[in-house]
N, C-alpha and C. Protein backbone atom coordinates (compact mmCIF):
# COMPACT_ATOMS: atom_id res chain seq x y z
N MET A 1 26.68 5.98 22.61
CA MET A 1 25.47 6.68 22.31
C MET A 1 24.46 6.39 23.16
N ASP A 2 23.88 7.44 23.88
CA ASP A 2 22.75 7.15 24.71
C ASP A 2 21.41 7.32 24.07
N ALA A 3 20.48 6.74 24.67
CA ALA A 3 19.10 6.81 24.10
C ALA A 3 18.51 8.11 23.76
N LYS A 4 18.88 9.16 24.62
CA LYS A 4 18.42 10.49 24.44
C LYS A 4 19.01 11.22 23.18
N SER A 5 20.18 10.97 23.03
CA SER A 5 20.80 11.55 21.87
C SER A 5 20.41 11.02 20.63
N PHE A 6 20.14 9.58 20.64
CA PHE A 6 19.65 8.93 19.46
C PHE A 6 18.28 9.40 19.04
N GLU A 7 17.37 9.64 19.98
CA GLU A 7 16.06 10.15 19.86
C GLU A 7 16.06 11.55 19.27
N GLU A 8 16.95 12.42 19.67
CA GLU A 8 17.07 13.67 19.19
C GLU A 8 17.64 13.72 17.73
N ARG A 9 18.55 12.76 17.34
CA ARG A 9 18.94 12.62 16.02
C ARG A 9 17.82 12.22 15.10
N VAL A 10 17.07 11.19 15.59
CA VAL A 10 15.96 10.78 14.80
C VAL A 10 15.07 11.83 14.56
N GLU A 11 14.66 12.54 15.71
CA GLU A 11 13.72 13.59 15.51
C GLU A 11 14.15 14.64 14.60
N THR A 12 15.46 15.10 14.70
CA THR A 12 16.08 16.03 13.77
C THR A 12 15.91 15.58 12.35
N PHE A 13 16.34 14.35 12.05
CA PHE A 13 16.19 13.81 10.84
C PHE A 13 14.77 13.69 10.27
N GLY A 14 13.80 13.40 11.13
CA GLY A 14 12.43 13.46 10.71
C GLY A 14 11.99 14.72 10.36
N LYS A 15 12.28 15.80 11.02
CA LYS A 15 12.00 17.16 10.61
C LYS A 15 12.69 17.59 9.34
N LYS A 16 13.85 17.26 9.13
CA LYS A 16 14.46 17.56 7.79
C LYS A 16 13.76 16.86 6.66
N VAL A 17 13.52 15.67 6.82
CA VAL A 17 12.78 14.97 5.79
C VAL A 17 11.38 15.51 5.64
N ASP A 18 10.61 15.85 6.58
CA ASP A 18 9.22 16.39 6.46
C ASP A 18 9.47 17.94 5.84
N ALA A 19 10.39 18.60 6.18
CA ALA A 19 10.53 19.86 5.53
C ALA A 19 10.92 19.78 4.03
N GLY A 20 11.78 18.73 3.72
CA GLY A 20 12.12 18.57 2.35
C GLY A 20 10.93 18.13 1.51
N VAL A 21 10.00 17.20 1.99
CA VAL A 21 8.83 16.76 1.39
C VAL A 21 7.86 17.87 1.10
N ARG A 22 7.59 18.80 2.18
CA ARG A 22 6.82 19.82 2.04
C ARG A 22 7.31 20.75 0.96
N SER A 23 8.59 21.04 0.91
CA SER A 23 9.20 21.94 -0.10
C SER A 23 9.06 21.39 -1.35
N TRP A 24 9.25 20.04 -1.61
CA TRP A 24 9.15 19.44 -2.82
C TRP A 24 7.67 19.56 -3.46
N VAL A 25 6.62 19.25 -2.54
CA VAL A 25 5.24 19.48 -2.91
C VAL A 25 4.90 20.92 -3.51
N LYS A 26 5.42 21.85 -2.69
CA LYS A 26 5.22 23.34 -3.03
C LYS A 26 5.96 23.64 -4.32
N ASN A 27 7.03 23.28 -4.55
CA ASN A 27 7.97 23.83 -5.61
C ASN A 27 8.21 22.81 -6.75
N ASP A 28 7.62 21.72 -6.76
CA ASP A 28 7.87 20.74 -7.67
C ASP A 28 7.46 21.23 -9.12
N ARG A 29 8.35 20.86 -10.07
CA ARG A 29 8.08 21.16 -11.43
C ARG A 29 8.29 19.89 -12.31
N ILE A 30 8.56 18.73 -11.62
CA ILE A 30 8.83 17.53 -12.56
C ILE A 30 7.40 17.04 -12.91
N PHE A 31 6.49 17.27 -12.21
CA PHE A 31 5.04 16.69 -12.49
C PHE A 31 4.15 17.77 -13.00
N ASN A 32 4.68 18.84 -13.60
CA ASN A 32 3.83 19.89 -14.24
C ASN A 32 2.97 19.29 -15.28
N GLY A 33 3.38 18.32 -15.99
CA GLY A 33 2.60 17.71 -17.01
C GLY A 33 1.34 17.10 -16.50
N PHE A 34 1.22 16.85 -15.25
CA PHE A 34 -0.11 16.33 -14.51
C PHE A 34 -1.08 17.50 -14.24
N ARG A 35 -0.54 18.73 -14.18
CA ARG A 35 -1.34 19.88 -13.50
C ARG A 35 -1.90 20.83 -14.55
N ASN A 36 -1.60 20.75 -15.69
CA ASN A 36 -2.12 21.74 -16.76
C ASN A 36 -3.50 21.22 -17.23
N THR A 37 -4.23 22.08 -17.90
CA THR A 37 -5.65 21.78 -18.14
C THR A 37 -5.83 20.63 -19.07
N PRO A 38 -4.91 20.45 -20.24
CA PRO A 38 -5.22 19.20 -20.99
C PRO A 38 -4.88 18.01 -20.25
N ALA A 39 -3.94 18.00 -19.39
CA ALA A 39 -3.52 16.90 -18.50
C ALA A 39 -4.69 16.44 -17.57
N ARG A 40 -5.39 17.56 -17.05
CA ARG A 40 -6.48 17.28 -16.03
C ARG A 40 -7.68 16.65 -16.92
N ILE A 41 -7.86 17.10 -18.01
CA ILE A 41 -8.92 16.36 -18.85
C ILE A 41 -8.60 15.07 -19.22
N LEU A 42 -7.31 14.68 -19.56
CA LEU A 42 -6.97 13.45 -19.89
C LEU A 42 -6.98 12.54 -18.62
N LEU A 43 -6.43 13.04 -17.53
CA LEU A 43 -6.54 12.35 -16.16
C LEU A 43 -7.94 11.86 -15.91
N ALA A 44 -8.92 12.94 -16.03
CA ALA A 44 -10.32 12.71 -15.66
C ALA A 44 -10.92 11.58 -16.61
N ALA A 45 -10.54 11.67 -17.97
CA ALA A 45 -11.04 10.57 -18.80
C ALA A 45 -10.50 9.27 -18.51
N ILE A 46 -9.21 9.21 -18.13
CA ILE A 46 -8.59 7.93 -17.81
C ILE A 46 -9.27 7.39 -16.57
N THR A 47 -9.43 8.27 -15.51
CA THR A 47 -10.10 7.76 -14.24
C THR A 47 -11.41 7.35 -14.37
N ILE A 48 -12.19 8.04 -15.13
CA ILE A 48 -13.62 7.57 -15.42
C ILE A 48 -13.62 6.21 -16.16
N GLY A 49 -12.76 6.11 -17.15
CA GLY A 49 -12.59 4.89 -18.02
C GLY A 49 -12.27 3.78 -17.07
N VAL A 50 -11.39 3.96 -16.14
CA VAL A 50 -10.92 2.81 -15.30
C VAL A 50 -12.07 2.53 -14.22
N LEU A 51 -12.56 3.64 -13.55
CA LEU A 51 -13.65 3.49 -12.53
C LEU A 51 -14.74 2.75 -13.00
N TYR A 52 -15.28 3.20 -14.11
CA TYR A 52 -16.60 2.63 -14.61
C TYR A 52 -16.43 1.50 -15.73
N GLY A 53 -15.36 1.52 -16.48
CA GLY A 53 -15.12 0.73 -17.61
C GLY A 53 -14.82 -0.77 -17.17
N LEU A 54 -13.89 -0.98 -16.18
CA LEU A 54 -13.49 -2.32 -15.81
C LEU A 54 -14.76 -3.16 -15.19
N PRO A 55 -15.49 -2.44 -14.18
CA PRO A 55 -16.62 -3.20 -13.88
C PRO A 55 -17.57 -3.69 -14.77
N ILE A 56 -17.83 -2.86 -15.86
CA ILE A 56 -18.69 -3.22 -16.94
C ILE A 56 -18.11 -4.23 -17.70
N LEU A 57 -16.90 -4.13 -17.89
CA LEU A 57 -16.18 -5.18 -18.69
C LEU A 57 -16.34 -6.62 -17.93
N GLN A 58 -16.14 -6.58 -16.57
CA GLN A 58 -16.35 -7.74 -15.91
C GLN A 58 -17.74 -8.28 -15.87
N LEU A 59 -18.73 -7.38 -15.86
CA LEU A 59 -19.99 -7.95 -16.05
C LEU A 59 -20.27 -8.60 -17.34
N LEU A 60 -19.59 -8.17 -18.42
CA LEU A 60 -19.89 -8.69 -19.68
C LEU A 60 -18.95 -9.92 -19.97
N ASN A 61 -17.72 -9.91 -19.55
CA ASN A 61 -16.83 -11.02 -19.83
C ASN A 61 -16.56 -11.83 -18.69
N ARG A 62 -16.55 -11.40 -17.63
CA ARG A 62 -16.29 -12.20 -16.32
C ARG A 62 -14.89 -12.78 -16.22
N ASN A 63 -13.94 -12.16 -16.85
CA ASN A 63 -12.61 -12.56 -16.76
C ASN A 63 -11.64 -11.48 -16.43
N VAL A 64 -12.05 -10.37 -15.85
CA VAL A 64 -11.14 -9.28 -15.59
C VAL A 64 -10.61 -9.46 -14.13
N SER A 65 -9.37 -9.37 -13.96
CA SER A 65 -8.76 -9.50 -12.69
C SER A 65 -9.06 -8.33 -11.74
N ILE A 66 -9.44 -8.78 -10.47
CA ILE A 66 -9.69 -7.71 -9.61
C ILE A 66 -8.44 -6.99 -9.11
N TRP A 67 -7.45 -7.68 -9.17
CA TRP A 67 -6.16 -7.11 -8.84
C TRP A 67 -5.66 -6.15 -9.91
N LEU A 68 -5.97 -6.28 -11.12
CA LEU A 68 -5.66 -5.22 -12.17
C LEU A 68 -6.55 -4.04 -11.92
N TYR A 69 -7.79 -4.23 -11.51
CA TYR A 69 -8.64 -3.17 -11.33
C TYR A 69 -8.24 -2.37 -10.06
N VAL A 70 -7.83 -3.04 -8.97
CA VAL A 70 -7.29 -2.30 -7.80
C VAL A 70 -5.96 -1.58 -8.13
N ALA A 71 -5.17 -2.17 -9.02
CA ALA A 71 -3.86 -1.53 -9.27
C ALA A 71 -4.03 -0.29 -10.15
N LEU A 72 -4.95 -0.41 -11.07
CA LEU A 72 -5.20 0.72 -11.93
C LEU A 72 -5.86 1.98 -11.14
N LEU A 73 -6.84 1.55 -10.16
CA LEU A 73 -7.39 2.61 -9.41
C LEU A 73 -6.36 3.21 -8.55
N ALA A 74 -5.43 2.47 -7.96
CA ALA A 74 -4.33 2.93 -7.11
C ALA A 74 -3.49 3.99 -8.04
N LEU A 75 -3.16 3.64 -9.29
CA LEU A 75 -2.55 4.42 -10.08
C LEU A 75 -3.24 5.68 -10.41
N CYS A 76 -4.54 5.67 -10.64
CA CYS A 76 -5.34 6.86 -10.93
C CYS A 76 -5.21 7.66 -9.66
N VAL A 77 -5.33 7.15 -8.57
CA VAL A 77 -5.27 8.00 -7.31
C VAL A 77 -3.98 8.78 -7.19
N GLY A 78 -2.83 8.09 -7.48
CA GLY A 78 -1.50 8.56 -7.37
C GLY A 78 -1.40 9.71 -8.36
N MET A 79 -1.89 9.45 -9.68
CA MET A 79 -1.81 10.65 -10.64
C MET A 79 -2.66 11.90 -10.27
N GLN A 80 -3.85 11.48 -9.71
CA GLN A 80 -4.74 12.65 -9.27
C GLN A 80 -4.20 13.44 -8.09
N LYS A 81 -3.56 12.65 -7.16
CA LYS A 81 -2.85 13.51 -6.07
C LYS A 81 -1.75 14.41 -6.57
N LEU A 82 -0.99 13.90 -7.48
CA LEU A 82 0.20 14.69 -8.12
C LEU A 82 -0.50 15.88 -8.79
N SER A 83 -1.58 15.73 -9.51
CA SER A 83 -2.18 16.69 -10.32
C SER A 83 -2.73 17.88 -9.47
N VAL A 84 -3.10 17.62 -8.23
CA VAL A 84 -3.70 18.60 -7.41
C VAL A 84 -2.73 19.07 -6.23
N ARG A 85 -1.55 18.60 -6.41
CA ARG A 85 -0.39 18.98 -5.35
C ARG A 85 -0.91 18.60 -3.97
N PHE A 86 -1.42 17.36 -3.90
CA PHE A 86 -1.83 16.78 -2.53
C PHE A 86 -2.57 17.62 -1.81
N ALA A 87 -3.53 18.42 -2.35
CA ALA A 87 -4.36 19.44 -1.70
C ALA A 87 -5.26 18.73 -0.65
N PHE A 88 -5.76 17.66 -0.97
CA PHE A 88 -6.59 16.78 -0.04
C PHE A 88 -6.06 16.05 1.09
N ASP A 89 -4.72 16.11 1.14
CA ASP A 89 -3.87 15.35 2.09
C ASP A 89 -3.37 16.25 3.29
N ASP A 90 -3.06 17.48 2.97
CA ASP A 90 -2.50 18.31 4.05
C ASP A 90 -3.02 19.71 4.02
N ASP A 91 -3.57 20.14 5.14
CA ASP A 91 -4.41 21.40 5.25
C ASP A 91 -3.24 22.58 5.32
N SER A 92 -2.14 22.26 6.02
CA SER A 92 -1.10 23.32 6.20
C SER A 92 -0.41 23.92 4.94
N GLU A 93 -0.25 23.09 4.02
CA GLU A 93 0.51 23.49 2.78
C GLU A 93 -0.20 24.04 1.57
N ILE A 94 -1.51 24.25 1.76
CA ILE A 94 -2.28 24.92 0.55
C ILE A 94 -2.70 26.29 0.84
N ASP A 95 -2.66 27.13 -0.12
CA ASP A 95 -2.97 28.46 -0.05
C ASP A 95 -4.61 28.69 0.05
N GLU A 96 -4.94 29.92 0.08
CA GLU A 96 -6.43 30.19 0.17
C GLU A 96 -7.29 29.83 -0.89
N TYR A 97 -6.64 29.95 -2.07
CA TYR A 97 -7.33 29.56 -3.48
C TYR A 97 -7.64 28.07 -3.44
N GLN A 98 -6.42 27.27 -3.13
CA GLN A 98 -6.56 25.88 -3.11
C GLN A 98 -7.56 25.36 -2.02
N HIS A 99 -7.50 26.04 -0.86
CA HIS A 99 -8.29 25.66 0.21
C HIS A 99 -9.78 25.76 -0.14
N GLU A 100 -10.21 26.91 -0.77
CA GLU A 100 -11.55 27.14 -1.21
C GLU A 100 -11.89 26.13 -2.27
N ARG A 101 -11.08 25.89 -3.23
CA ARG A 101 -11.26 24.98 -4.22
C ARG A 101 -11.55 23.65 -3.80
N ARG A 102 -10.59 23.21 -2.84
CA ARG A 102 -10.87 21.83 -2.14
C ARG A 102 -12.14 21.77 -1.54
N ASN A 103 -12.45 22.70 -0.70
CA ASN A 103 -13.83 22.64 0.01
C ASN A 103 -14.99 22.60 -1.09
N ARG A 104 -14.79 23.29 -2.26
CA ARG A 104 -15.89 23.14 -3.19
C ARG A 104 -15.91 21.79 -3.78
N ALA A 105 -14.73 21.21 -4.05
CA ALA A 105 -14.63 20.03 -4.64
C ALA A 105 -15.26 18.85 -3.68
N TYR A 106 -15.22 19.02 -2.29
CA TYR A 106 -15.81 18.10 -1.39
C TYR A 106 -17.26 18.24 -1.51
N ARG A 107 -17.79 19.43 -1.55
CA ARG A 107 -19.35 19.68 -1.64
C ARG A 107 -19.82 19.06 -2.91
N ARG A 108 -19.06 19.20 -3.99
CA ARG A 108 -19.53 18.68 -5.31
C ARG A 108 -19.41 17.14 -5.20
N ALA A 109 -18.41 16.57 -4.66
CA ALA A 109 -18.17 15.20 -4.53
C ALA A 109 -19.24 14.49 -3.78
N TYR A 110 -19.66 15.09 -2.56
CA TYR A 110 -20.73 14.47 -1.78
C TYR A 110 -22.04 14.43 -2.66
N LYS A 111 -22.36 15.39 -3.31
CA LYS A 111 -23.58 15.52 -4.11
C LYS A 111 -23.54 14.43 -5.33
N ARG A 112 -22.35 14.46 -5.93
CA ARG A 112 -22.26 13.41 -7.24
C ARG A 112 -22.25 11.93 -6.65
N VAL A 113 -21.62 11.54 -5.50
CA VAL A 113 -21.70 10.32 -5.09
C VAL A 113 -23.02 9.91 -4.61
N ALA A 114 -23.86 10.90 -3.99
CA ALA A 114 -25.22 10.50 -3.68
C ALA A 114 -25.99 10.36 -4.87
N THR A 115 -25.92 11.10 -5.89
CA THR A 115 -26.66 10.91 -7.14
C THR A 115 -26.37 9.66 -7.84
N ILE A 116 -24.98 9.28 -7.96
CA ILE A 116 -24.66 8.09 -8.62
C ILE A 116 -25.11 6.89 -7.89
N LEU A 117 -25.02 6.85 -6.58
CA LEU A 117 -25.59 5.71 -5.84
C LEU A 117 -26.99 5.60 -5.94
N ALA A 118 -27.75 6.74 -5.89
CA ALA A 118 -29.17 6.67 -5.99
C ALA A 118 -29.67 6.20 -7.38
N VAL A 119 -28.84 6.63 -8.44
CA VAL A 119 -29.31 6.12 -9.73
C VAL A 119 -29.09 4.69 -9.87
N GLY A 120 -27.91 4.26 -9.35
CA GLY A 120 -27.65 2.84 -9.32
C GLY A 120 -28.58 1.96 -8.65
N ILE A 121 -28.96 2.40 -7.39
CA ILE A 121 -30.04 1.67 -6.77
C ILE A 121 -31.40 1.77 -7.47
N ALA A 122 -31.67 2.78 -8.03
CA ALA A 122 -33.00 3.07 -8.78
C ALA A 122 -33.11 2.03 -9.98
N ILE A 123 -31.86 1.94 -10.67
CA ILE A 123 -31.85 1.05 -11.81
C ILE A 123 -32.00 -0.44 -11.41
N PHE A 124 -31.35 -0.67 -10.38
CA PHE A 124 -31.33 -2.01 -9.71
C PHE A 124 -32.75 -2.43 -9.35
N ALA A 125 -33.46 -1.54 -8.48
CA ALA A 125 -34.75 -1.67 -8.04
C ALA A 125 -35.74 -1.73 -9.26
N GLY A 126 -35.67 -0.73 -10.15
CA GLY A 126 -36.55 -0.66 -11.33
C GLY A 126 -36.52 -1.90 -12.17
N ASP A 127 -35.30 -2.42 -12.45
CA ASP A 127 -35.24 -3.58 -13.15
C ASP A 127 -35.97 -4.89 -12.64
N GLY A 128 -35.84 -4.98 -11.26
CA GLY A 128 -36.75 -6.03 -10.67
C GLY A 128 -38.18 -5.73 -10.69
N PHE A 129 -38.59 -4.50 -10.39
CA PHE A 129 -39.96 -4.07 -10.40
C PHE A 129 -40.65 -4.36 -11.88
N TYR A 130 -39.83 -3.90 -12.83
CA TYR A 130 -40.31 -4.07 -14.19
C TYR A 130 -40.45 -5.50 -14.64
N LEU A 131 -39.50 -6.20 -14.17
CA LEU A 131 -39.49 -7.74 -14.59
C LEU A 131 -40.76 -8.39 -13.83
N LYS A 132 -40.91 -8.10 -12.62
CA LYS A 132 -41.88 -8.74 -11.85
C LYS A 132 -43.39 -8.41 -12.34
N HIS A 133 -43.51 -7.15 -12.75
CA HIS A 133 -44.81 -6.72 -13.29
C HIS A 133 -45.08 -7.22 -14.80
N THR A 134 -43.98 -7.43 -15.52
CA THR A 134 -44.05 -7.82 -16.90
C THR A 134 -44.38 -9.28 -17.00
N LEU A 135 -43.74 -10.06 -16.09
CA LEU A 135 -43.81 -11.46 -16.29
C LEU A 135 -44.81 -12.16 -15.21
N GLY A 136 -45.48 -11.29 -14.38
CA GLY A 136 -46.53 -11.80 -13.69
C GLY A 136 -46.14 -11.91 -12.25
N SER A 137 -47.30 -12.20 -11.32
CA SER A 137 -47.02 -12.28 -9.92
C SER A 137 -46.14 -13.53 -9.48
N GLY A 138 -45.92 -14.54 -10.26
CA GLY A 138 -45.27 -15.80 -9.94
C GLY A 138 -43.71 -15.55 -10.10
N PHE A 139 -43.45 -14.44 -10.50
CA PHE A 139 -41.93 -14.20 -10.91
C PHE A 139 -41.11 -13.92 -9.55
N GLN A 140 -40.17 -14.65 -9.31
CA GLN A 140 -39.28 -14.50 -8.31
C GLN A 140 -38.02 -13.77 -8.73
N TYR A 141 -37.83 -12.58 -8.27
CA TYR A 141 -36.63 -11.83 -8.75
C TYR A 141 -35.41 -12.27 -8.06
N SER A 142 -34.41 -12.63 -8.85
CA SER A 142 -33.27 -12.88 -8.34
C SER A 142 -32.14 -12.25 -9.23
N PHE A 143 -31.38 -11.37 -8.71
CA PHE A 143 -30.26 -10.67 -9.49
C PHE A 143 -29.09 -11.62 -9.60
N ASP A 144 -28.69 -12.00 -10.99
CA ASP A 144 -27.73 -12.87 -11.18
C ASP A 144 -26.31 -12.18 -11.18
N MET A 145 -25.83 -12.24 -9.88
CA MET A 145 -24.44 -11.76 -9.78
C MET A 145 -23.56 -12.64 -8.97
N VAL A 146 -22.48 -13.00 -9.68
CA VAL A 146 -21.67 -14.08 -8.94
C VAL A 146 -20.79 -13.25 -7.92
N SER A 147 -20.06 -14.02 -7.07
CA SER A 147 -19.35 -13.36 -5.94
C SER A 147 -18.32 -12.55 -6.44
N GLU A 148 -17.60 -12.88 -7.50
CA GLU A 148 -16.54 -11.88 -7.97
C GLU A 148 -17.05 -10.66 -8.56
N ASN A 149 -18.24 -10.61 -8.89
CA ASN A 149 -18.86 -9.37 -9.43
C ASN A 149 -19.20 -8.44 -8.12
N TRP A 150 -19.60 -9.18 -7.08
CA TRP A 150 -19.88 -8.33 -5.88
C TRP A 150 -18.45 -7.70 -5.37
N VAL A 151 -17.51 -8.45 -5.53
CA VAL A 151 -16.09 -7.86 -5.05
C VAL A 151 -15.92 -6.61 -6.00
N PHE A 152 -16.30 -6.72 -7.32
CA PHE A 152 -16.01 -5.53 -8.25
C PHE A 152 -16.97 -4.27 -7.64
N VAL A 153 -18.10 -4.69 -7.31
CA VAL A 153 -18.96 -3.71 -6.84
C VAL A 153 -18.47 -2.89 -5.60
N GLY A 154 -17.87 -3.72 -4.69
CA GLY A 154 -17.33 -3.19 -3.52
C GLY A 154 -16.15 -2.42 -3.81
N VAL A 155 -15.31 -2.77 -4.65
CA VAL A 155 -14.04 -2.04 -5.05
C VAL A 155 -14.44 -0.74 -5.71
N PHE A 156 -15.52 -0.87 -6.64
CA PHE A 156 -16.10 0.26 -7.27
C PHE A 156 -16.60 1.44 -6.30
N VAL A 157 -17.26 0.93 -5.31
CA VAL A 157 -17.79 1.92 -4.40
C VAL A 157 -16.66 2.66 -3.52
N ILE A 158 -15.63 1.87 -3.21
CA ILE A 158 -14.48 2.44 -2.60
C ILE A 158 -13.84 3.42 -3.39
N GLY A 159 -13.52 2.98 -4.68
CA GLY A 159 -12.96 3.89 -5.67
C GLY A 159 -13.71 5.06 -5.94
N LEU A 160 -15.00 4.99 -5.97
CA LEU A 160 -15.84 6.11 -6.23
C LEU A 160 -15.73 7.18 -5.15
N PHE A 161 -15.80 6.69 -3.90
CA PHE A 161 -15.61 7.64 -2.73
C PHE A 161 -14.16 8.24 -2.75
N VAL A 162 -13.28 7.41 -3.13
CA VAL A 162 -11.81 7.91 -3.12
C VAL A 162 -11.61 8.97 -4.30
N LEU A 163 -11.94 8.56 -5.47
CA LEU A 163 -11.64 9.37 -6.57
C LEU A 163 -12.64 10.52 -6.85
N GLN A 164 -13.77 10.48 -6.39
CA GLN A 164 -14.79 11.57 -6.71
C GLN A 164 -14.41 12.91 -6.25
N LYS A 165 -13.64 13.10 -5.27
CA LYS A 165 -13.10 14.45 -4.74
C LYS A 165 -12.19 15.08 -5.91
N TYR A 166 -11.34 14.19 -6.50
CA TYR A 166 -10.42 14.57 -7.36
C TYR A 166 -11.12 14.91 -8.76
N LEU A 167 -12.15 14.11 -9.09
CA LEU A 167 -12.91 14.43 -10.27
C LEU A 167 -13.73 15.76 -10.09
N SER A 168 -14.19 16.06 -8.93
CA SER A 168 -15.01 17.20 -8.67
C SER A 168 -14.04 18.42 -8.47
N TRP A 169 -12.73 18.21 -8.35
CA TRP A 169 -11.72 19.36 -8.32
C TRP A 169 -11.96 20.22 -9.57
N GLY A 170 -12.31 19.60 -10.82
CA GLY A 170 -12.48 20.33 -11.89
C GLY A 170 -11.27 20.07 -12.99
N ILE A 171 -11.51 20.58 -14.06
CA ILE A 171 -10.46 20.33 -15.21
C ILE A 171 -9.56 21.52 -15.39
N LYS A 172 -9.86 22.57 -14.68
CA LYS A 172 -9.06 23.82 -14.91
C LYS A 172 -7.66 23.55 -14.12
N GLY A 173 -6.66 23.60 -14.91
CA GLY A 173 -5.39 23.27 -14.33
C GLY A 173 -4.36 24.43 -14.14
N GLU A 174 -3.19 24.27 -13.64
CA GLU A 174 -2.39 25.33 -13.44
C GLU A 174 -1.61 25.72 -14.81
N PRO A 175 -1.23 26.85 -14.98
CA PRO A 175 -0.47 27.21 -16.22
C PRO A 175 0.80 26.53 -16.07
N TRP A 176 1.18 26.19 -17.36
CA TRP A 176 2.50 25.45 -17.59
C TRP A 176 3.60 26.37 -17.35
N GLU A 177 4.50 25.88 -16.52
CA GLU A 177 5.82 26.56 -16.16
C GLU A 177 6.92 25.77 -16.57
N ASP A 178 7.65 26.25 -17.57
CA ASP A 178 8.92 25.61 -18.05
C ASP A 178 10.05 25.81 -17.00
N SER A 179 10.52 24.81 -16.52
CA SER A 179 11.63 24.80 -15.48
C SER A 179 12.87 25.46 -15.97
N ALA A 180 13.06 25.25 -17.28
CA ALA A 180 14.32 25.75 -17.88
C ALA A 180 14.23 27.30 -18.02
N ARG A 181 13.03 27.90 -17.98
CA ARG A 181 12.95 29.30 -18.25
C ARG A 181 12.83 29.97 -16.88
N GLN A 182 12.56 29.36 -15.77
CA GLN A 182 12.33 29.93 -14.42
C GLN A 182 13.84 30.22 -13.92
N PRO A 183 13.84 31.49 -13.43
CA PRO A 183 15.14 31.88 -12.76
C PRO A 183 15.30 30.99 -11.40
N LYS A 184 16.40 30.61 -11.06
CA LYS A 184 16.59 29.91 -9.83
C LYS A 184 16.64 30.74 -8.74
N GLU A 185 15.96 30.41 -7.65
CA GLU A 185 15.77 31.19 -6.42
C GLU A 185 16.92 30.79 -5.53
N ASP A 186 17.45 31.81 -4.83
CA ASP A 186 18.65 31.63 -3.89
C ASP A 186 18.08 31.08 -2.58
């Protein structure tokens, strides 16, 4: 077997795998449970709970594992990707409706991220300003955050940027299609 025929076989195999994955994403019915409206509402609640809840729990208890937080965020990203049929990953496989909905979600996400970060910075700065003026001019403001809390803040910001586009997609889902009732296409 020469190198050229091996490369051709590998390229042919790669094209078949790519076509199979694209077909699976378009016609998948296994994960329809992630795509209907009640599922989108539940996924949004779970994602918001994980994204905001674990850092707050870490601030209160200081014993939440950062790896648990990262794993749960990754799980939320995977579920969100399945729920929107990977619309944010590949431009060639989405129709006009999904394309427009994706672009609207990006616009909303940018606005929401800016608002969330501005409110967070305002609360942080306002807390220091309030304490300095309440306790007098001799007050030295020092925000008590240990290093593991800063790691949570960093992971939160990354998770916020990654997940906000999925949360901005909206809760309107696809209609439920029962695979048993659908006629098989030839």
